Amino acid sequence: MSIVIKTIGKQKYAYQAYRNGDKVVQRYIGNIANNDVRRMIEKIKKANQIQQCLYPLFWDVNPEKINIRRNARYIIERVLEFGDIDAFRWIQEIYPTHLILEICTTSRKISEKSRIFWQIWLGRIPNAF
């Protein structure tokens, strides 16, 4: 997902561009001169980046170069294994719960202790008890 700025005449307009299957879809956001539109653009840009307070979780790579969508599994695994509640809340804002739960149950990089904790936290108590 990205922001596209188009100039029409002397006005600048913002569009949100994203893929829907094979197509690229552009959704109109509004005129850049509008403060609400500017805030929305900043919010979208922040959602596509890892928060700086979470950089220590990604010690072996450059966190600024991690793609939020392409590296979803890697990000979720790191947060579930090494992150705290704030980091978990952040991934819940970015990714759907079913994806987080799927990665939690199938990943070989998440310890059994962390796996059980997050399954209980998400209300999906394993049958191991």
C-alpha atoms as a PDB file:
ATOM      1  CA  MET A   1       0.000   0.000   0.000  1.00  0.00           C
ATOM      2  CA  SER A   2       1.371   3.389  -0.927  1.00  0.00           C
ATOM      3  CA  ILE A   3       0.373   7.001  -1.347  1.00  0.00           C
ATOM      4  CA  VAL A   4       0.256   8.558  -4.819  1.00  0.00           C
ATOM      5  CA  ILE A   5       0.201  12.350  -5.206  1.00  0.00           C
ATOM      6  CA  LYS A   6      -1.256  13.693  -8.447  1.00  0.00           C
ATOM      7  CA  THR A   7      -1.109  17.326  -9.546  1.00  0.00           C
ATOM      8  CA  ILE A   8      -4.137  18.533 -11.459  1.00  0.00           C
ATOM      9  CA  GLY A   9      -3.864  22.174 -12.413  1.00  0.00           C
ATOM     10  CA  LYS A  10      -2.279  23.813  -9.387  1.00  0.00           C
ATOM     11  CA  GLN A  11      -3.899  21.482  -6.842  1.00  0.00           C
ATOM     12  CA  LYS A  12      -2.356  18.304  -5.426  1.00  0.00           C
ATOM     13  CA  TYR A  13      -4.535  15.296  -4.645  1.00  0.00           C
ATOM     14  CA  ALA A  14      -3.705  12.148  -2.695  1.00  0.00           C
ATOM     15  CA  TYR A  15      -4.662   8.597  -3.631  1.00  0.00           C
ATOM     16  CA  GLN A  16      -4.054   5.363  -1.783  1.00  0.00           C
ATOM     17  CA  ALA A  17      -2.713   2.703  -4.164  1.00  0.00           C
ATOM     18  CA  TYR A  18      -2.845  -1.030  -3.400  1.00  0.00           C
ATOM     19  CA  ARG A  19      -3.012  -4.361  -5.194  1.00  0.00           C
ATOM     20  CA  ASN A  20      -6.251  -6.305  -5.518  1.00  0.00           C
ATOM     21  CA  GLY A  21      -5.231  -9.531  -7.247  1.00  0.00           C
ATOM     22  CA  ASP A  22      -3.599  -8.573 -10.535  1.00  0.00           C
ATOM     23  CA  LYS A  23      -5.026  -5.057 -10.529  1.00  0.00           C
ATOM     24  CA  VAL A  24      -3.651  -1.913  -8.938  1.00  0.00           C
ATOM     25  CA  VAL A  25      -6.478   0.031  -7.305  1.00  0.00           C
ATOM     26  CA  GLN A  26      -6.304   3.722  -6.422  1.00  0.00           C
ATOM     27  CA  ARG A  27      -8.658   5.094  -3.789  1.00  0.00           C
ATOM     28  CA  TYR A  28      -9.155   8.861  -3.625  1.00  0.00           C
ATOM     29  CA  ILE A  29      -8.179  10.361  -0.267  1.00  0.00           C
ATOM     30  CA  GLY A  30      -8.517  14.094  -0.914  1.00  0.00           C
ATOM     31  CA  ASN A  31      -6.844  17.429  -1.516  1.00  0.00           C
ATOM     32  CA  ILE A  32      -3.419  17.744   0.108  1.00  0.00           C
ATOM     33  CA  ALA A  33      -4.312  21.220   1.365  1.00  0.00           C
ATOM     34  CA  ASN A  34      -6.815  19.636   3.777  1.00  0.00           C
ATOM     35  CA  ASN A  35      -5.279  18.971   7.233  1.00  0.00           C
ATOM     36  CA  ASP A  36      -7.373  15.816   7.734  1.00  0.00           C
ATOM     37  CA  VAL A  37      -5.963  14.408   4.492  1.00  0.00           C
ATOM     38  CA  ARG A  38      -2.416  15.200   5.618  1.00  0.00           C
ATOM     39  CA  ARG A  39      -3.012  13.406   8.932  1.00  0.00           C
ATOM     40  CA  MET A  40      -4.418  10.394   7.112  1.00  0.00           C
ATOM     41  CA  ILE A  41      -1.371  10.262   4.820  1.00  0.00           C
ATOM     42  CA  GLU A  42       0.988  10.345   7.818  1.00  0.00           C
ATOM     43  CA  LYS A  43      -1.017   7.582   9.493  1.00  0.00           C
ATOM     44  CA  ILE A  44      -0.795   5.398   6.373  1.00  0.00           C
ATOM     45  CA  LYS A  45       2.945   6.018   6.051  1.00  0.00           C
ATOM     46  CA  LYS A  46       3.517   5.104   9.720  1.00  0.00           C
ATOM     47  CA  ALA A  47       1.488   1.906   9.310  1.00  0.00           C
ATOM     48  CA  ASN A  48       3.928   0.788   6.590  1.00  0.00           C
ATOM     49  CA  GLN A  49       6.983   1.098   8.849  1.00  0.00           C
ATOM     50  CA  ILE A  50       8.191  -0.689  11.935  1.00  0.00           C
ATOM     51  CA  GLN A  51       7.983   1.559  14.972  1.00  0.00           C
ATOM     52  CA  GLN A  52      11.366   2.712  16.210  1.00  0.00           C
ATOM     53  CA  CYS A  53      10.731   1.375  19.732  1.00  0.00           C
ATOM     54  CA  LEU A  54      10.569  -2.146  18.197  1.00  0.00           C
ATOM     55  CA  TYR A  55      13.935  -1.934  16.430  1.00  0.00           C
ATOM     56  CA  PRO A  56      15.701  -4.018  19.141  1.00  0.00           C
ATOM     57  CA  LEU A  57      13.547  -7.014  18.123  1.00  0.00           C
ATOM     58  CA  PHE A  58      15.171  -6.922  14.691  1.00  0.00           C
ATOM     59  CA  TRP A  59      18.810  -6.811  15.754  1.00  0.00           C
ATOM     60  CA  ASP A  60      20.096  -8.893  12.824  1.00  0.00           C
ATOM     61  CA  VAL A  61      18.648  -6.748  10.005  1.00  0.00           C
ATOM     62  CA  ASN A  62      18.075  -3.095   9.199  1.00  0.00           C
ATOM     63  CA  PRO A  63      14.515  -2.500  10.509  1.00  0.00           C
ATOM     64  CA  GLU A  64      14.030   0.447   8.156  1.00  0.00           C
ATOM     65  CA  LYS A  65      14.316  -1.869   5.150  1.00  0.00           C
ATOM     66  CA  ILE A  66      11.815  -4.498   6.328  1.00  0.00           C
ATOM     67  CA  ASN A  67       8.703  -4.581   4.169  1.00  0.00           C
ATOM     68  CA  ILE A  68       5.644  -4.852   6.444  1.00  0.00           C
ATOM     69  CA  ARG A  69       3.599  -6.876   3.937  1.00  0.00           C
ATOM     70  CA  ARG A  70       6.260  -9.061   2.336  1.00  0.00           C
ATOM     71  CA  ASN A  71       7.937  -9.944   5.643  1.00  0.00           C
ATOM     72  CA  ALA A  72       4.783 -10.444   7.713  1.00  0.00           C
ATOM     73  CA  ARG A  73       5.743 -13.933   8.906  1.00  0.00           C
ATOM     74  CA  TYR A  74       9.205 -12.794  10.031  1.00  0.00           C
ATOM     75  CA  ILE A  75       7.795  -9.773  11.895  1.00  0.00           C
ATOM     76  CA  ILE A  76       5.055 -11.758  13.631  1.00  0.00           C
ATOM     77  CA  GLU A  77       7.488 -14.518  14.658  1.00  0.00           C
ATOM     78  CA  ARG A  78       9.889 -11.986  16.177  1.00  0.00           C
ATOM     79  CA  VAL A  79       7.173 -10.172  18.093  1.00  0.00           C
ATOM     80  CA  LEU A  80       5.595 -13.382  19.412  1.00  0.00           C
ATOM     81  CA  GLU A  81       8.957 -14.783  20.513  1.00  0.00           C
ATOM     82  CA  PHE A  82      10.750 -11.684  21.828  1.00  0.00           C
ATOM     83  CA  GLY A  83       8.202  -8.856  22.010  1.00  0.00           C
ATOM     84  CA  ASP A  84       6.104  -7.475  24.831  1.00  0.00           C
ATOM     85  CA  ILE A  85       2.416  -6.583  25.034  1.00  0.00           C
ATOM     86  CA  ASP A  86       2.944  -3.212  23.297  1.00  0.00           C
ATOM     87  CA  ALA A  87       4.680  -4.922  20.374  1.00  0.00           C
ATOM     88  CA  PHE A  88       1.835  -7.447  20.201  1.00  0.00           C
ATOM     89  CA  ARG A  89      -0.740  -4.641  20.107  1.00  0.00           C
ATOM     90  CA  TRP A  90       1.173  -3.101  17.229  1.00  0.00           C
ATOM     91  CA  ILE A  91       1.070  -6.294  15.137  1.00  0.00           C
ATOM     92  CA  GLN A  92      -2.642  -6.620  15.922  1.00  0.00           C
ATOM     93  CA  GLU A  93      -3.171  -3.189  14.323  1.00  0.00           C
ATOM     94  CA  ILE A  94      -1.229  -4.257  11.222  1.00  0.00           C
ATOM     95  CA  TYR A  95      -2.197  -7.911  10.705  1.00  0.00           C
ATOM     96  CA  PRO A  96      -5.475  -9.832  11.093  1.00  0.00           C
ATOM     97  CA  THR A  97      -5.760 -12.030  14.186  1.00  0.00           C
ATOM     98  CA  HIS A  98      -6.268 -15.189  12.131  1.00  0.00           C
ATOM     99  CA  LEU A  99      -2.857 -14.649  10.463  1.00  0.00           C
ATOM    100  CA  ILE A 100      -1.145 -14.064  13.817  1.00  0.00           C
ATOM    101  CA  LEU A 101      -2.754 -17.209  15.239  1.00  0.00           C
ATOM    102  CA  GLU A 102      -1.859 -19.273  12.155  1.00  0.00           C
ATOM    103  CA  ILE A 103       1.794 -18.234  12.362  1.00  0.00           C
ATOM    104  CA  CYS A 104       1.762 -18.802  16.112  1.00  0.00           C
ATOM    105  CA  THR A 105       0.606 -22.404  15.683  1.00  0.00           C
ATOM    106  CA  THR A 106       2.680 -23.347  12.609  1.00  0.00           C
ATOM    107  CA  SER A 107       6.009 -21.551  13.054  1.00  0.00           C
ATOM    108  CA  ARG A 108       9.088 -23.544  14.030  1.00  0.00           C
ATOM    109  CA  LYS A 109      10.822 -20.356  15.208  1.00  0.00           C
ATOM    110  CA  ILE A 110       8.442 -19.764  18.114  1.00  0.00           C
ATOM    111  CA  SER A 111       9.192 -21.695  21.296  1.00  0.00           C
ATOM    112  CA  GLU A 112       6.525 -23.936  22.800  1.00  0.00           C
ATOM    113  CA  LYS A 113       6.385 -21.684  25.860  1.00  0.00           C
ATOM    114  CA  SER A 114       5.678 -18.566  23.755  1.00  0.00           C
ATOM    115  CA  ARG A 115       3.253 -20.471  21.526  1.00  0.00           C
ATOM    116  CA  ILE A 116       1.117 -21.617  24.466  1.00  0.00           C
ATOM    117  CA  PHE A 117       1.212 -18.163  26.072  1.00  0.00           C
ATOM    118  CA  TRP A 118      -0.036 -16.381  22.935  1.00  0.00           C
ATOM    119  CA  GLN A 119      -2.655 -19.045  22.221  1.00  0.00           C
ATOM    120  CA  ILE A 120      -4.041 -18.559  25.720  1.00  0.00           C
ATOM    121  CA  TRP A 121      -3.792 -14.767  25.333  1.00  0.00           C
ATOM    122  CA  LEU A 122      -5.788 -14.963  22.088  1.00  0.00           C
ATOM    123  CA  GLY A 123      -8.379 -17.226  23.701  1.00  0.00           C
ATOM    124  CA  ARG A 124      -7.370 -20.309  21.700  1.00  0.00           C
ATOM    125  CA  ILE A 125      -6.401 -22.621  24.536  1.00  0.00           C
ATOM    126  CA  PRO A 126      -4.492 -25.637  23.183  1.00  0.00           C
ATOM    127  CA  ASN A 127      -5.680 -29.167  23.962  1.00  0.00           C
ATOM    128  CA  ALA A 128      -2.382 -29.995  25.660  1.00  0.00           C
ATOM    129  CA  PHE A 129      -3.776 -29.404  29.153  1.00  0.00           C
END
